[in-house]
């Protein structure tokens, strides 16, 4: 592993870790940064699967106590069973649409221009959601109804468009459906676990021919870096939302999206052939 390859792995690991659970689209950032670094094509698909697992491991570790409580209480605790059913219901829509349309989405939408448009549109929607009157009906994830979970699961499907943000669509969806910021954010984190693990294993099997023994050091480095920075991002976000809205992330999305569009419009960066 040469120095440049190691640097690419570290940079992409940092990007994945910091953006996966923030409502700013990790996939969108990965597509843009990987293209700028020249780390694209088939190899990027395999690498991205590994570093996403690093990020999800961080959130599993952060919420390990809740996970143990739910698993341990499935046989005796109605609250644990209700929470599990809610996760399954929220997970289901993405499974159906992901299996049906993942190839078409990757072929036609995985490019920086689509990412930029989705970032801007998503940022505007996020600002609107934050400025409207927010009536809290559900203070904690354990108080969610099955219908709340299913609606948030449908919102998660929007994240199949790169640049939309899985966490952004589920968190803002939760706010619109009456969840508190804490409940919407925590449920987004929990929903990420089956969604990302399922997507990683599905993609891993589908693209198993892309994994080469020679790439193990590069992938392992990205995995570790992604885990560390995802842990930092998750803890920072949970502290941040205690006293702040998501408006700052909305403005960031809009500014970043407009920057990409400006570089394309003025010919500063050639995004025309960019493909993750």
Foldseek 3Di string as FASTA:
>chain_A
DDPLLLVLLLVLLLLLQQAQQAQFFSLLVNLVSCVVSVNDDLLSLLLVLLSLVLLLVLLCVVCVVVVCVLVVCCVPDPLSVQLVLLLVLLQPVLVVCCVVCVVVLQVPQSFNLQLLVLLQVLLVVQVVLVPDDFAADAEALSPDHSVLSNQLSVQLNVPSRGNNHSNSSQQSSSRVVRHQSLRSSVSSSVSCNCNSVVVSVVSCVVSVVSDDPVCVVSSVSSSNSSNVSNNVNSVVVNVVSVPDGSNVSSVVSNVVSVVSVVCPVVVVDPRPPRHD
